[in-house]
Amino acid sequence: MDSTSVIVPTFNYGRFIAEAIGSALGQSLAPAEIIVVDDGSADDTAEVVAGFGDAVRYIRQENAGVCVARNRGVAESTGGLIAFLDADDFWEPT
């Protein structure tokens, strides 16, 4: 089975992103990588993501919009499959 890269674009969603990342980490089939692309946030997003340590790769870019953030995440990914998870959403465990 191919490995999965989870791409999480975000902009000023520090208050939600921990739950989103936690839900990706809590899957019955763990992703190969979780990439958070911060689209120029001015809140505590970077600090919240840093709390996950090496489990999450954090990329910051100047604000260019969610589509550019998603595309950046795909370009940086290494998995054979891509899954998009919005920063204010979460997945059920299975």
C-alpha atoms as a PDB file:
ATOM      1  CA  MET A   1       0.000   0.000   0.000  1.00  0.00           C
ATOM      2  CA  ASP A   2       1.251   3.486  -0.831  1.00  0.00           C
ATOM      3  CA  SER A   3       2.177   5.847   1.969  1.00  0.00           C
ATOM      4  CA  THR A   4      -0.037   8.858   2.539  1.00  0.00           C
ATOM      5  CA  SER A   5       0.995  12.488   2.873  1.00  0.00           C
ATOM      6  CA  VAL A   6      -1.478  14.693   4.738  1.00  0.00           C
ATOM      7  CA  ILE A   7      -1.440  18.323   3.605  1.00  0.00           C
ATOM      8  CA  VAL A   8      -2.890  20.897   6.022  1.00  0.00           C
ATOM      9  CA  PRO A   9      -3.075  24.454   4.645  1.00  0.00           C
ATOM     10  CA  THR A  10      -3.652  27.073   7.335  1.00  0.00           C
ATOM     11  CA  PHE A  11      -4.054  30.790   7.854  1.00  0.00           C
ATOM     12  CA  ASN A  12      -4.638  32.103  11.385  1.00  0.00           C
ATOM     13  CA  TYR A  13      -6.179  28.821  12.604  1.00  0.00           C
ATOM     14  CA  GLY A  14      -3.989  28.259  15.645  1.00  0.00           C
ATOM     15  CA  ARG A  15      -7.125  27.742  17.736  1.00  0.00           C
ATOM     16  CA  PHE A  16      -8.206  24.744  15.612  1.00  0.00           C
ATOM     17  CA  ILE A  17      -5.100  23.191  14.103  1.00  0.00           C
ATOM     18  CA  ALA A  18      -4.100  21.021  17.080  1.00  0.00           C
ATOM     19  CA  GLU A  19      -7.357  19.067  16.786  1.00  0.00           C
ATOM     20  CA  ALA A  20      -6.857  18.670  13.023  1.00  0.00           C
ATOM     21  CA  ILE A  21      -3.296  17.390  13.412  1.00  0.00           C
ATOM     22  CA  GLY A  22      -4.285  15.142  16.308  1.00  0.00           C
ATOM     23  CA  SER A  23      -7.003  13.565  14.197  1.00  0.00           C
ATOM     24  CA  ALA A  24      -4.522  12.803  11.406  1.00  0.00           C
ATOM     25  CA  LEU A  25      -2.088  11.274  13.900  1.00  0.00           C
ATOM     26  CA  GLY A  26      -4.912   9.228  15.426  1.00  0.00           C
ATOM     27  CA  GLN A  27      -5.826   7.338  12.276  1.00  0.00           C
ATOM     28  CA  SER A  28      -5.826   3.536  12.338  1.00  0.00           C
ATOM     29  CA  LEU A  29      -3.397   3.721   9.399  1.00  0.00           C
ATOM     30  CA  ALA A  30      -0.899   6.421  10.310  1.00  0.00           C
ATOM     31  CA  PRO A  31       0.158   8.826   7.560  1.00  0.00           C
ATOM     32  CA  ALA A  32       3.753   8.780   6.352  1.00  0.00           C
ATOM     33  CA  GLU A  33       3.930  12.526   6.898  1.00  0.00           C
ATOM     34  CA  ILE A  34       1.865  15.516   7.900  1.00  0.00           C
ATOM     35  CA  ILE A  35       2.801  18.770   6.225  1.00  0.00           C
ATOM     36  CA  VAL A  36       1.361  22.027   7.544  1.00  0.00           C
ATOM     37  CA  VAL A  37       1.671  24.910   5.106  1.00  0.00           C
ATOM     38  CA  ASP A  38       1.207  28.175   6.982  1.00  0.00           C
ATOM     39  CA  ASP A  39       0.011  30.815   4.541  1.00  0.00           C
ATOM     40  CA  GLY A  40       1.334  33.798   6.492  1.00  0.00           C
ATOM     41  CA  SER A  41      -0.503  33.452   9.814  1.00  0.00           C
ATOM     42  CA  ALA A  42      -0.214  36.221  12.398  1.00  0.00           C
ATOM     43  CA  ASP A  43      -1.552  34.142  15.315  1.00  0.00           C
ATOM     44  CA  ASP A  44      -0.029  31.292  17.359  1.00  0.00           C
ATOM     45  CA  THR A  45      -0.221  28.699  14.556  1.00  0.00           C
ATOM     46  CA  ALA A  46       3.563  28.167  14.430  1.00  0.00           C
ATOM     47  CA  GLU A  47       3.789  27.579  18.197  1.00  0.00           C
ATOM     48  CA  VAL A  48       0.870  25.140  18.207  1.00  0.00           C
ATOM     49  CA  VAL A  49       2.355  23.124  15.330  1.00  0.00           C
ATOM     50  CA  ALA A  50       5.791  23.144  16.976  1.00  0.00           C
ATOM     51  CA  GLY A  51       4.207  21.360  19.943  1.00  0.00           C
ATOM     52  CA  PHE A  52       3.882  18.242  17.766  1.00  0.00           C
ATOM     53  CA  GLY A  53       7.653  18.071  17.268  1.00  0.00           C
ATOM     54  CA  ASP A  54       8.984  15.871  14.493  1.00  0.00           C
ATOM     55  CA  ALA A  55       5.545  14.359  13.812  1.00  0.00           C
ATOM     56  CA  VAL A  56       4.694  17.372  11.650  1.00  0.00           C
ATOM     57  CA  ARG A  57       6.642  19.234   8.996  1.00  0.00           C
ATOM     58  CA  TYR A  58       5.946  22.973   9.121  1.00  0.00           C
ATOM     59  CA  ILE A  59       6.372  25.193   6.068  1.00  0.00           C
ATOM     60  CA  ARG A  60       5.729  28.920   6.237  1.00  0.00           C
ATOM     61  CA  GLN A  61       5.109  31.067   3.169  1.00  0.00           C
ATOM     62  CA  GLU A  62       3.897  34.577   2.487  1.00  0.00           C
ATOM     63  CA  ASN A  63       0.137  34.819   2.174  1.00  0.00           C
ATOM     64  CA  ALA A  64      -0.810  33.625  -1.295  1.00  0.00           C
ATOM     65  CA  GLY A  65      -4.108  31.804  -0.721  1.00  0.00           C
ATOM     66  CA  VAL A  66      -5.243  28.309   0.134  1.00  0.00           C
ATOM     67  CA  CYS A  67      -4.744  26.894  -3.373  1.00  0.00           C
ATOM     68  CA  VAL A  68      -1.104  27.967  -3.427  1.00  0.00           C
ATOM     69  CA  ALA A  69      -0.635  26.519   0.080  1.00  0.00           C
ATOM     70  CA  ARG A  70      -2.127  23.176  -0.982  1.00  0.00           C
ATOM     71  CA  ASN A  71       0.039  23.069  -4.097  1.00  0.00           C
ATOM     72  CA  ARG A  72       3.129  23.868  -2.025  1.00  0.00           C
ATOM     73  CA  GLY A  73       2.294  20.992   0.295  1.00  0.00           C
ATOM     74  CA  VAL A  74       1.922  18.602  -2.628  1.00  0.00           C
ATOM     75  CA  ALA A  75       5.232  19.767  -4.108  1.00  0.00           C
ATOM     76  CA  GLU A  76       6.980  19.143  -0.761  1.00  0.00           C
ATOM     77  CA  SER A  77       5.346  15.753  -0.103  1.00  0.00           C
ATOM     78  CA  THR A  78       6.966  12.335  -0.482  1.00  0.00           C
ATOM     79  CA  GLY A  79       3.971  10.004  -0.128  1.00  0.00           C
ATOM     80  CA  GLY A  80       2.388   8.076  -2.950  1.00  0.00           C
ATOM     81  CA  LEU A  81      -1.075   9.298  -1.937  1.00  0.00           C
ATOM     82  CA  ILE A  82      -2.197  12.802  -0.954  1.00  0.00           C
ATOM     83  CA  ALA A  83      -4.911  13.624   1.573  1.00  0.00           C
ATOM     84  CA  PHE A  84      -6.045  17.191   2.233  1.00  0.00           C
ATOM     85  CA  LEU A  85      -7.187  18.182   5.712  1.00  0.00           C
ATOM     86  CA  ASP A  86      -8.366  21.711   6.404  1.00  0.00           C
ATOM     87  CA  ALA A  87      -6.944  23.283   9.558  1.00  0.00           C
ATOM     88  CA  ASP A  88     -10.415  23.734  11.074  1.00  0.00           C
ATOM     89  CA  ASP A  89     -11.581  20.180  10.383  1.00  0.00           C
ATOM     90  CA  PHE A  90     -10.825  16.755  11.826  1.00  0.00           C
ATOM     91  CA  TRP A  91     -11.041  13.105  10.824  1.00  0.00           C
ATOM     92  CA  GLU A  92     -12.746  10.299  12.683  1.00  0.00           C
ATOM     93  CA  PRO A  93     -10.172   7.726  13.905  1.00  0.00           C
ATOM     94  CA  THR A  94     -10.761   5.088  11.239  1.00  0.00           C
END
